[in-house]
Amino acid sequence: MVLDKIHDVGSNPERVIPGTFAGQGANGARGDVFFRVKGNDVVVTKPDGTFVTILKDGVTQNPSVQSALKGGVR
């Protein structure tokens, strides 16, 4: 079920927003990612498409996603 959700959101996003996410840069720093948004759920991928994580209700609950949606970089 979780894998199905990851595939659905990752493959059929309503929008894809660039941003940064903790642990994706050098030495665990913030690094560039894409937030693949469908509804309130978000699949986070590296710029090359590698899966990072899924955030249930990430649109409403995650500050990194919220910042990217507002056009900012957190």
Protein backbone atom coordinates (compact mmCIF):
# COMPACT_ATOMS: atom_id res chain seq x y z
CA MET A 1 0.00 0.00 0.00
CA VAL A 2 2.77 2.49 0.87
CA LEU A 3 4.70 1.56 -2.26
CA ASP A 4 1.55 2.09 -4.34
CA LYS A 5 1.13 5.57 -2.81
CA ILE A 6 4.78 6.44 -3.48
CA HIS A 7 4.45 5.32 -7.09
CA ASP A 8 1.16 7.16 -7.59
CA VAL A 9 2.31 10.49 -6.15
CA GLY A 10 5.80 10.25 -7.67
CA SER A 11 4.59 9.31 -11.15
CA ASN A 12 1.41 11.41 -11.31
CA PRO A 13 2.07 14.61 -9.38
CA GLU A 14 -0.25 17.60 -9.71
CA ARG A 15 2.86 19.78 -9.53
CA VAL A 16 6.61 19.49 -9.04
CA ILE A 17 8.33 22.17 -6.99
CA PRO A 18 12.09 22.59 -6.48
CA GLY A 19 13.28 23.10 -2.93
CA THR A 20 15.77 21.93 -0.34
CA PHE A 21 15.52 19.17 2.25
CA ALA A 22 17.62 18.24 5.27
CA GLY A 23 20.22 15.53 4.80
CA GLN A 24 20.43 15.74 1.02
CA GLY A 25 23.52 17.92 0.72
CA ALA A 26 27.17 17.35 1.49
CA ASN A 27 27.85 16.06 5.01
CA GLY A 28 24.14 15.86 5.81
CA ALA A 29 23.40 19.50 5.04
CA ARG A 30 20.29 20.71 3.24
CA GLY A 31 20.38 19.82 -0.44
CA ASP A 32 18.38 20.33 -3.61
CA VAL A 33 15.29 18.18 -4.12
CA PHE A 34 12.01 18.12 -5.99
CA PHE A 35 8.74 18.00 -4.09
CA ARG A 36 6.24 15.96 -6.13
CA VAL A 37 2.84 17.03 -4.82
CA LYS A 38 -0.49 15.26 -5.17
CA GLY A 39 -3.26 16.47 -2.91
CA ASN A 40 -1.61 17.05 0.46
CA ASP A 41 0.92 14.23 0.04
CA VAL A 42 4.46 14.79 -1.17
CA VAL A 43 7.13 12.48 -2.57
CA VAL A 44 10.61 13.96 -2.18
CA THR A 45 13.20 13.07 -4.83
CA LYS A 46 16.75 14.09 -5.56
CA PRO A 47 17.20 16.10 -8.78
CA ASP A 48 18.12 12.87 -10.61
CA GLY A 49 14.78 11.31 -9.59
CA THR A 50 16.11 9.10 -6.78
CA PHE A 51 13.46 8.58 -4.08
CA VAL A 52 14.17 10.25 -0.73
CA THR A 53 10.93 9.96 1.29
CA ILE A 54 7.17 10.37 1.26
CA LEU A 55 5.48 12.97 3.46
CA LYS A 56 1.85 12.26 4.32
CA ASP A 57 0.14 15.66 4.55
CA GLY A 58 3.49 17.27 3.71
CA VAL A 59 1.74 20.27 2.13
CA THR A 60 0.18 21.19 5.47
CA GLN A 61 2.72 19.73 7.91
CA ASN A 62 6.25 20.12 6.54
CA PRO A 63 8.05 23.51 6.72
CA SER A 64 10.42 22.67 3.83
CA VAL A 65 7.49 21.92 1.52
CA GLN A 66 5.56 24.98 2.70
CA SER A 67 8.56 27.23 2.04
CA ALA A 68 9.05 25.81 -1.46
CA LEU A 69 5.35 26.28 -2.24
CA LYS A 70 5.68 29.95 -1.30
CA GLY A 71 8.68 30.29 -3.62
CA GLY A 72 11.25 30.42 -0.86
CA VAL A 73 14.19 28.19 -0.14
CA ARG A 74 14.43 26.88 3.39
